[in-house]
Amino acid sequence: MMHPMISALSRHKAGVVLIVLQVAITLAIVCNAVFIIGTRMERVARPTGVDEAPLFVVTQQWSGVDTGKPDAVATLDAMQREDLSAIRQLPDVESVSPINSLPLLNSAAWNGGLGLKPAQNEPTVQASYYFTDESALSTLGVSLASGRAFSSDEVGHIAMGDAASPASVIVSKAIADRLFPNGDALGKPVYLDGANGPSMIVGVIPMLQTPGTNEYSSGFAYNSILVPSRINATFSRYAVRAKPGRLDAALRSVPEALYRVNGGRVIADDGVQAFKDVRAQAYRADLGMATLMGGVSFILLGVTATGVFALTSFWVDQRRRQIGIRRALGASRRDILYYFQIENLLIVAAGALLGLALAIGLNATLIMHYEMARLPFTYVLLALIAVVALSQLSALLPARRASGVDPAIAIRDA
C-alpha cells in the first residue's frame, strides 16, 4: 500500500508541501504557546501563604507634616499608632497591623540579604522584609511552623530608609531551610544586610510570598522575613483582616474612621484594596499573555484543520475513478477509509518531524532573548498528539465520503 500511496502523493507535491509546512509551523508555535500558558498559569496559581479572603490593605498619605523637625519621626509614629487604635475599634475589623507591603503588591518592597556572620559582604540568601508588629501573624492569617510570634515590647519604629537592626525576626521556612539545612534555625542568629549585630530567629512560618512578581523577585519568591518595627514616613500602610462576612463593610468603614481621626490625609481611589484585587492586578499581564497565546493556538489549529480537510476533500474528488476501480476490484469501504487516513498520517508525520525541530529552535530563541525556561518534552508530546489527532479528525469526513463512493457510478462518471 505504501508504494502506490507515495507515488500518488508525489503527483501532488504542492499540496503536500503546503500541509507539511502548515503542520510544522503550527506544531512549533503551539508547543511554545502551550508552554508559555502553562508557566503563566503556574505563576498565577502560586499560593501567597496568607488567608486572602478577609484581607485588605489601606495605603494613605499624610499632608502638612514637617519632616524637617527633630521630632518628626516620633510625631509620625504617634499618628500611625492612633490610626491603628481607631481601626481596631471598628466592629467590622478583626485585626490590623502596620506593614510596608503585602505579597503580590509590587509596592514598597524592601529587599535585602541575610548572612550568618557579622559584616558579611555577600549575603547567604536574598529576602524581602515585612516591617510590622505583634499582630502581623493573626492579621495575615499565617500560622507558625515553630517558635513564637513577636511580643509588643519587641516592636520598635524606624524612619523610612534607616537600616533595620532588630533583636528578633521571624523567617519563612524557605529561608530557614537555606540557612540551616539541619532544621535547627530557631534561636539562631542572622545578620541583616551586613549588620554587625545579630538578630535572633524567634519564629519560622511555613510560607509567605514576597511583594514582587517580576523575574528578579521570582528567584526568591518565598524568602520572606518579618521585622518587628513600624516604618515612619509621610505615608503609611495597614493590613486589615475583616471579620467573617464583613469585608465589604470593613472596606467602607476603615477610610471613614481614618478621616475622623485626622482629616489631613489623602486616601486615593486605589488606596483601599481587597486582596483579591491585589492578586488580580499582580497577575493581569500573565493572564493576558495566557489568553493571547491560547487565541493564537486556537487560530493556528483551526487553520491547519481546515487545510487538511480542504486538501483531502480535493483529492477525493480528483480520485473518484481510482476509488471506483479499487471498489470494483474488491476493496471494502474500510480499505478506502484507511487509505486516506494513512495517507494523511504520512503527510502530518513529515510535518510533525519538521515542527519538532522548529519548536526546539523557537524555544532556544525565546530562551536567548526573553529568559524563557527550556521546553519540556511533555509539552512537545502533548502538542504533537493534539496536532496529529486534529489532522486525522479533519481528514475523517472526506475519507468517509470517499469510502461511500459507488463503484459503478464512479467509473461511469469518469
Protein backbone atom coordinates (compact mmCIF):
# COMPACT_ATOMS: atom_id res chain seq x y z
CA MET A 1 0.00 0.00 0.00
CA MET A 2 2.84 2.41 0.83
CA HIS A 3 4.39 2.48 -2.65
CA PRO A 4 1.22 3.49 -4.56
CA MET A 5 0.37 5.93 -1.78
CA ILE A 6 3.76 7.65 -2.01
CA SER A 7 3.52 7.61 -5.80
CA ALA A 8 0.13 9.33 -5.63
CA LEU A 9 1.43 11.97 -3.21
CA SER A 10 4.41 12.68 -5.48
CA ARG A 11 1.97 13.83 -8.17
CA HIS A 12 0.55 16.45 -5.78
CA LYS A 13 3.77 17.97 -4.47
CA ALA A 14 2.44 21.50 -3.95
CA GLY A 15 -0.46 20.39 -1.75
CA VAL A 16 1.73 18.02 0.26
CA VAL A 17 4.40 20.65 0.87
CA LEU A 18 1.77 23.17 1.89
CA ILE A 19 0.25 20.86 4.51
CA VAL A 20 3.68 19.74 5.77
CA LEU A 21 4.74 23.37 6.33
CA GLN A 22 1.39 24.24 7.87
CA VAL A 23 1.60 21.36 10.34
CA ALA A 24 5.24 22.15 11.14
CA ILE A 25 4.62 25.83 11.86
CA THR A 26 1.50 25.07 13.87
CA LEU A 27 3.29 22.45 15.97
CA ALA A 28 6.27 24.73 16.63
CA ILE A 29 4.14 27.66 17.74
CA VAL A 30 1.57 25.63 19.67
CA CYS A 31 4.30 23.77 21.60
CA ASN A 32 5.81 27.01 22.84
CA ALA A 33 2.45 28.75 23.29
CA VAL A 34 1.14 25.94 25.49
CA PHE A 35 4.37 26.03 27.47
CA ILE A 36 4.02 29.78 27.98
CA ILE A 37 0.40 29.32 29.04
CA GLY A 38 1.43 26.59 31.49
CA THR A 39 4.19 28.64 33.08
CA ARG A 40 1.98 31.72 33.35
CA MET A 41 -0.89 29.80 34.93
CA GLU A 42 1.55 28.13 37.30
CA ARG A 43 2.66 31.60 38.44
CA VAL A 44 -0.94 32.75 38.86
CA ALA A 45 -1.79 29.69 40.96
CA ARG A 46 1.12 30.13 43.38
CA PRO A 47 -0.09 30.36 47.00
CA THR A 48 0.81 33.51 48.91
CA GLY A 49 0.79 31.92 52.33
CA VAL A 50 -1.79 34.38 53.71
CA ASP A 51 -5.51 33.97 54.32
CA GLU A 52 -6.59 36.05 51.35
CA ALA A 53 -10.40 36.15 51.56
CA PRO A 54 -10.87 38.52 54.54
CA LEU A 55 -7.71 40.55 53.95
CA PHE A 56 -7.43 44.06 52.53
CA VAL A 57 -4.84 46.82 52.51
CA VAL A 58 -5.10 50.56 53.15
CA THR A 59 -2.46 53.00 51.89
CA GLN A 60 -2.72 56.62 52.92
CA GLN A 61 -0.64 59.82 52.73
CA TRP A 62 -0.48 62.48 55.41
CA SER A 63 -0.28 66.11 54.33
CA GLY A 64 1.13 69.11 56.17
CA VAL A 65 3.70 67.16 58.21
CA ASP A 66 7.02 68.97 58.59
CA THR A 67 9.56 66.17 58.25
CA GLY A 68 12.40 68.59 58.94
CA LYS A 69 11.60 68.88 62.65
CA PRO A 70 13.73 66.86 65.10
CA ASP A 71 10.68 65.07 66.46
CA ALA A 72 9.16 64.31 63.03
CA VAL A 73 9.74 60.55 63.29
CA ALA A 74 8.13 60.39 66.75
CA THR A 75 5.21 62.50 65.53
CA LEU A 76 4.63 60.25 62.51
CA ASP A 77 4.80 57.15 64.69
CA ALA A 78 2.25 58.61 67.12
CA MET A 79 -0.08 59.36 64.20
CA GLN A 80 0.33 55.82 62.92
CA ARG A 81 -0.42 54.28 66.31
CA GLU A 82 -3.51 56.49 66.58
CA ASP A 83 -4.71 55.16 63.24
CA LEU A 84 -4.15 51.56 64.31
CA SER A 85 -6.10 52.10 67.52
CA ALA A 86 -9.04 53.60 65.63
CA ILE A 87 -9.16 50.75 63.12
CA ARG A 88 -9.02 48.07 65.84
CA GLN A 89 -12.12 49.53 67.48
CA LEU A 90 -14.28 49.14 64.36
CA PRO A 91 -16.98 46.43 64.63
CA ASP A 92 -16.19 45.05 61.17
CA VAL A 93 -12.45 44.62 61.82
CA GLU A 94 -10.89 41.56 63.43
CA SER A 95 -7.25 42.61 63.32
CA VAL A 96 -4.94 45.25 61.84
CA SER A 97 -1.17 45.63 61.51
CA PRO A 98 1.14 48.24 60.05
CA ILE A 99 3.09 46.84 57.12
CA ASN A 100 5.29 48.23 54.38
CA SER A 101 3.91 45.87 51.71
CA LEU A 102 2.00 42.65 51.08
CA PRO A 103 2.53 39.59 48.91
CA LEU A 104 1.93 40.45 45.22
CA LEU A 105 1.52 44.17 45.96
CA ASN A 106 4.57 45.23 43.92
CA SER A 107 4.89 48.35 46.07
CA ALA A 108 7.35 49.42 48.77
CA ALA A 109 9.14 46.09 48.60
CA TRP A 110 12.20 46.17 50.87
CA ASN A 111 14.70 43.62 49.61
CA GLY A 112 17.90 42.73 51.39
CA GLY A 113 20.20 39.91 52.30
CA LEU A 114 20.77 37.68 55.31
CA GLY A 115 24.13 36.39 56.39
CA LEU A 116 25.48 34.06 59.03
CA LYS A 117 28.43 36.24 60.03
CA PRO A 118 28.81 39.85 61.21
CA ALA A 119 29.52 42.42 58.48
CA GLN A 120 29.10 39.77 55.77
CA ASN A 121 29.55 41.50 52.41
CA GLU A 122 27.88 38.87 50.24
CA PRO A 123 24.56 37.68 51.72
CA THR A 124 23.93 33.97 52.09
CA VAL A 125 20.32 34.40 50.97
CA GLN A 126 18.22 37.19 49.48
CA ALA A 127 14.93 38.10 51.12
CA SER A 128 12.08 40.59 51.24
CA TYR A 129 11.42 42.36 54.56
CA TYR A 130 7.98 42.94 56.02
CA PHE A 131 8.08 45.63 58.72
CA THR A 132 5.15 45.03 61.02
CA ASP A 133 4.09 44.44 64.64
CA GLU A 134 2.97 41.74 67.07
CA SER A 135 -0.43 41.35 65.36
CA ALA A 136 1.01 40.51 61.95
CA LEU A 137 0.53 36.73 62.02
CA SER A 138 -3.10 36.91 63.09
CA THR A 139 -3.86 39.70 60.62
CA LEU A 140 -2.29 37.91 57.68
CA GLY A 141 -3.69 34.55 58.74
CA VAL A 142 -0.23 32.99 58.88
CA SER A 143 0.49 30.17 61.31
CA LEU A 144 3.79 29.33 62.94
CA ALA A 145 5.70 26.22 61.95
CA SER A 146 7.82 26.65 65.08
CA GLY A 147 8.74 29.28 67.63
CA ARG A 148 6.62 32.23 68.71
CA ALA A 149 5.13 35.50 67.49
CA PHE A 150 6.55 38.90 68.39
CA SER A 151 5.69 40.41 71.74
CA SER A 152 4.56 44.04 71.95
CA ASP A 153 7.73 45.16 73.74
CA GLU A 154 9.85 43.87 70.82
CA VAL A 155 8.17 46.19 68.33
CA GLY A 156 10.05 49.40 67.59
CA HIS A 157 9.89 52.01 64.88
CA ILE A 158 12.34 53.44 62.35
CA ALA A 159 12.31 56.14 59.72
CA MET A 160 11.95 55.18 56.09
CA GLY A 161 15.36 54.25 54.72
CA ASP A 162 17.03 53.56 58.07
CA ALA A 163 18.92 50.31 58.46
CA ALA A 164 17.00 47.57 60.24
CA SER A 165 18.73 46.03 63.25
CA PRO A 166 16.01 44.21 65.22
CA ALA A 167 16.82 41.97 68.15
CA SER A 168 14.43 39.31 66.83
CA VAL A 169 12.97 38.25 63.49
CA ILE A 170 10.56 35.68 62.08
CA VAL A 171 11.61 33.98 58.85
CA SER A 172 9.89 31.83 56.28
CA LYS A 173 10.71 28.14 56.04
CA ALA A 174 12.41 28.76 52.69
CA ILE A 175 14.97 30.98 54.44
CA ALA A 176 15.31 28.67 57.43
CA ASP A 177 15.99 25.66 55.23
CA ARG A 178 18.52 27.58 53.15
CA LEU A 179 20.46 28.96 56.13
CA PHE A 180 20.10 25.96 58.42
CA PRO A 181 19.55 22.77 56.39
CA ASN A 182 19.53 20.64 59.54
CA GLY A 183 16.24 22.22 60.63
CA ASP A 184 17.66 24.00 63.68
CA ALA A 185 17.01 27.62 62.65
CA LEU A 186 15.03 28.52 65.77
CA GLY A 187 17.12 30.54 68.20
CA LYS A 188 19.96 31.03 65.73
CA PRO A 189 21.44 34.47 64.95
CA VAL A 190 21.35 36.02 61.49
CA TYR A 191 22.76 39.30 60.24
CA LEU A 192 20.64 41.63 58.14
CA ASP A 193 22.29 43.49 55.27
CA GLY A 194 25.83 43.07 56.56
CA ALA A 195 25.00 44.27 60.08
CA ASN A 196 27.45 43.79 62.92
CA GLY A 197 24.75 42.94 65.46
CA PRO A 198 22.75 39.68 65.31
CA SER A 199 19.01 39.23 65.03
CA MET A 200 17.68 36.07 66.67
CA ILE A 201 15.20 33.89 64.80
CA VAL A 202 12.28 33.55 67.23
CA GLY A 203 9.79 32.02 64.80
CA VAL A 204 9.52 30.16 61.50
CA ILE A 205 6.43 30.40 59.29
CA PRO A 206 5.60 27.79 56.63
CA MET A 207 5.21 30.16 53.69
CA LEU A 208 4.94 33.85 52.83
CA GLN A 209 5.34 35.15 49.31
CA THR A 210 7.34 38.29 48.63
CA PRO A 211 5.74 41.51 47.26
CA GLY A 212 7.41 41.36 43.84
CA THR A 213 6.16 39.31 40.91
CA ASN A 214 8.82 40.18 38.32
CA GLU A 215 11.57 37.84 37.11
CA TYR A 216 14.06 39.19 39.65
CA SER A 217 11.74 38.58 42.61
CA SER A 218 10.78 35.13 41.34
CA GLY A 219 14.29 33.97 42.21
CA PHE A 220 13.45 34.29 45.93
CA ALA A 221 9.64 34.28 45.79
CA TYR A 222 9.19 32.78 49.29
CA ASN A 223 12.23 34.21 51.09
CA SER A 224 10.34 36.49 53.49
CA ILE A 225 11.35 37.90 56.85
CA LEU A 226 9.16 39.69 59.41
CA VAL A 227 10.82 42.58 61.24
CA PRO A 228 9.15 43.89 64.43
CA SER A 229 9.20 47.56 63.52
CA ARG A 230 6.83 50.22 62.21
CA ILE A 231 8.07 52.32 59.29
CA ASN A 232 7.59 56.05 59.90
CA ALA A 233 7.15 58.14 56.77
CA THR A 234 4.69 60.60 55.30
CA PHE A 235 2.68 57.61 54.11
CA SER A 236 1.58 54.50 55.97
CA ARG A 237 0.12 51.18 55.00
CA TYR A 238 -2.15 48.94 57.07
CA ALA A 239 -3.04 45.29 56.53
CA VAL A 240 -6.59 44.75 57.79
CA ARG A 241 -8.40 41.48 58.44
CA ALA A 242 -12.18 41.80 58.32
CA LYS A 243 -14.49 39.72 60.47
CA PRO A 244 -16.18 36.80 58.66
CA GLY A 245 -18.69 38.06 56.12
CA ARG A 246 -17.88 41.73 56.87
CA LEU A 247 -15.27 42.52 54.22
CA ASP A 248 -17.39 44.96 52.20
CA ALA A 249 -18.47 46.80 55.35
CA ALA A 250 -14.89 47.00 56.59
CA LEU A 251 -13.70 48.34 53.24
CA ARG A 252 -16.12 51.25 53.70
CA SER A 253 -15.70 51.86 57.43
CA VAL A 254 -11.91 51.97 57.68
CA PRO A 255 -11.35 55.04 55.44
CA GLU A 256 -14.20 56.84 57.21
CA ALA A 257 -12.60 56.12 60.60
CA LEU A 258 -9.19 57.32 59.44
CA TYR A 259 -10.61 60.62 58.20
CA ARG A 260 -12.36 61.12 61.54
CA VAL A 261 -9.05 60.63 63.35
CA ASN A 262 -7.13 63.02 61.11
CA GLY A 263 -8.61 64.83 58.13
CA GLY A 264 -5.19 65.96 56.97
CA ARG A 265 -4.56 62.90 54.85
CA VAL A 266 -5.21 61.59 51.35
CA ILE A 267 -6.55 58.13 50.57
CA ALA A 268 -6.59 57.61 46.81
CA ASP A 269 -9.30 55.68 44.98
CA ASP A 270 -6.99 52.65 44.82
CA GLY A 271 -5.74 53.24 48.37
CA VAL A 272 -8.16 50.66 49.75
CA GLN A 273 -7.85 47.27 48.02
CA ALA A 274 -9.27 43.87 48.84
CA PHE A 275 -6.56 41.24 48.49
CA LYS A 276 -8.46 39.58 45.65
CA ASP A 277 -7.99 42.82 43.69
CA VAL A 278 -4.30 42.89 44.60
CA ARG A 279 -3.94 39.37 43.19
CA ALA A 280 -5.89 40.24 40.04
CA GLN A 281 -3.71 43.31 39.42
CA ALA A 282 -0.47 41.42 40.04
CA TYR A 283 -1.25 38.71 37.52
CA ARG A 284 -3.12 40.75 34.92
CA ALA A 285 -0.22 40.60 32.47
CA ASP A 286 0.21 36.84 32.98
CA LEU A 287 -3.47 36.18 32.34
CA GLY A 288 -3.39 38.47 29.30
CA MET A 289 -0.40 36.61 27.87
CA ALA A 290 -2.04 33.24 28.51
CA THR A 291 -5.22 34.41 26.79
CA LEU A 292 -3.25 35.74 23.81
CA MET A 293 -1.27 32.52 23.42
CA GLY A 294 -4.45 30.48 23.74
CA GLY A 295 -6.11 32.53 20.99
CA VAL A 296 -3.10 32.18 18.67
CA SER A 297 -3.01 28.43 19.23
CA PHE A 298 -6.73 28.08 18.60
CA ILE A 299 -6.50 30.02 15.33
CA LEU A 300 -3.48 28.06 14.10
CA LEU A 301 -5.09 24.71 14.91
CA GLY A 302 -8.27 25.82 13.17
CA VAL A 303 -6.40 26.90 10.04
CA THR A 304 -4.46 23.62 9.96
CA ALA A 305 -7.61 21.54 10.40
CA THR A 306 -9.33 23.49 7.62
CA GLY A 307 -6.32 23.00 5.32
CA VAL A 308 -6.22 19.26 5.89
CA PHE A 309 -9.99 18.97 5.35
CA ALA A 310 -9.89 21.02 2.14
CA LEU A 311 -6.91 19.17 0.64
CA THR A 312 -8.29 15.72 1.47
CA SER A 313 -11.67 16.70 0.01
CA PHE A 314 -9.95 17.88 -3.19
CA TRP A 315 -8.02 14.63 -3.51
CA VAL A 316 -11.18 12.56 -3.01
CA ASP A 317 -12.90 14.45 -5.83
CA GLN A 318 -9.85 14.01 -8.07
CA ARG A 319 -9.63 10.25 -7.44
CA ARG A 320 -13.25 9.18 -7.81
CA ARG A 321 -12.38 6.94 -10.77
CA GLN A 322 -9.45 5.39 -8.90
CA ILE A 323 -11.67 4.78 -5.89
CA GLY A 324 -14.35 3.21 -8.09
CA ILE A 325 -11.83 0.84 -9.71
CA ARG A 326 -10.48 -0.23 -6.33
CA ARG A 327 -14.00 -0.85 -5.05
CA ALA A 328 -14.81 -2.87 -8.20
CA LEU A 329 -11.69 -4.97 -7.63
CA GLY A 330 -12.86 -5.87 -4.13
CA ALA A 331 -11.63 -3.09 -1.83
CA SER A 332 -14.00 -2.60 1.06
CA ARG A 333 -15.30 0.72 2.39
CA ARG A 334 -12.93 0.28 5.34
CA ASP A 335 -9.95 -0.17 2.99
CA ILE A 336 -10.72 3.15 1.26
CA LEU A 337 -11.20 4.89 4.60
CA TYR A 338 -7.89 3.56 5.93
CA TYR A 339 -6.10 4.54 2.72
CA PHE A 340 -6.93 8.23 3.06
CA GLN A 341 -6.34 8.24 6.83
CA ILE A 342 -2.90 6.64 6.46
CA GLU A 343 -2.05 8.97 3.58
CA ASN A 344 -2.92 11.94 5.76
CA LEU A 345 -0.91 10.46 8.63
CA LEU A 346 2.20 10.25 6.43
CA ILE A 347 1.90 13.92 5.49
CA VAL A 348 1.25 15.01 9.07
CA ALA A 349 4.14 12.87 10.38
CA ALA A 350 6.52 14.62 7.97
CA GLY A 351 5.21 17.98 9.15
CA ALA A 352 5.49 16.91 12.78
CA LEU A 353 9.17 15.96 12.40
CA LEU A 354 9.92 19.35 10.87
CA GLY A 355 7.76 21.01 13.51
CA LEU A 356 9.72 19.41 16.34
CA ALA A 357 12.94 20.93 15.00
CA LEU A 358 11.25 24.31 14.61
CA ALA A 359 9.78 24.10 18.14
CA ILE A 360 13.20 23.48 19.67
CA GLY A 361 14.72 26.30 17.62
CA LEU A 362 11.94 28.72 18.58
CA ASN A 363 12.34 27.81 22.25
CA ALA A 364 16.09 28.40 22.03
CA THR A 365 15.42 31.86 20.60
CA LEU A 366 12.96 32.66 23.39
CA ILE A 367 15.50 31.48 25.99
CA MET A 368 18.14 33.75 24.47
CA HIS A 369 16.01 36.90 24.28
CA TYR A 370 13.26 36.54 26.89
CA GLU A 371 14.72 34.34 29.66
CA MET A 372 12.27 31.53 28.97
CA ALA A 373 12.84 28.12 30.50
CA ARG A 374 13.75 25.14 28.34
CA LEU A 375 10.76 23.49 26.67
CA PRO A 376 9.93 20.24 28.49
CA PHE A 377 9.39 17.14 26.36
CA THR A 378 5.92 16.73 27.90
CA TYR A 379 4.66 19.88 26.15
CA VAL A 380 6.16 18.75 22.84
CA LEU A 381 4.47 15.36 23.17
CA LEU A 382 1.09 16.87 24.06
CA ALA A 383 1.21 19.33 21.17
CA LEU A 384 2.28 16.53 18.79
CA ILE A 385 -0.63 14.33 19.87
CA ALA A 386 -3.07 17.25 19.56
CA VAL A 387 -1.93 18.22 16.05
CA VAL A 388 -1.91 14.63 14.75
CA ALA A 389 -5.31 13.83 16.30
CA LEU A 390 -6.82 17.03 14.92
CA SER A 391 -5.44 16.33 11.43
CA GLN A 392 -6.80 12.79 11.47
CA LEU A 393 -10.21 14.03 12.55
CA SER A 394 -10.14 16.69 9.81
CA ALA A 395 -9.44 14.01 7.19
CA LEU A 396 -12.09 11.65 8.53
CA LEU A 397 -15.14 13.24 6.89
CA PRO A 398 -13.65 13.36 3.35
CA ALA A 399 -12.29 9.83 3.86
CA ARG A 400 -15.75 8.58 4.88
CA ARG A 401 -17.19 10.27 1.78
CA ALA A 402 -14.57 8.50 -0.36
CA SER A 403 -15.42 5.13 1.20
CA GLY A 404 -19.06 5.64 0.21
CA VAL A 405 -18.35 6.11 -3.49
CA ASP A 406 -20.34 3.61 -5.59
CA PRO A 407 -18.00 1.71 -7.97
CA ALA A 408 -20.37 1.75 -10.96
CA ILE A 409 -21.19 5.46 -10.66
CA ALA A 410 -17.55 6.44 -10.15
CA ILE A 411 -16.40 4.52 -13.26
CA ARG A 412 -19.31 5.77 -15.38
CA ASP A 413 -18.83 9.44 -14.30
CA ALA A 414 -15.13 9.23 -15.07
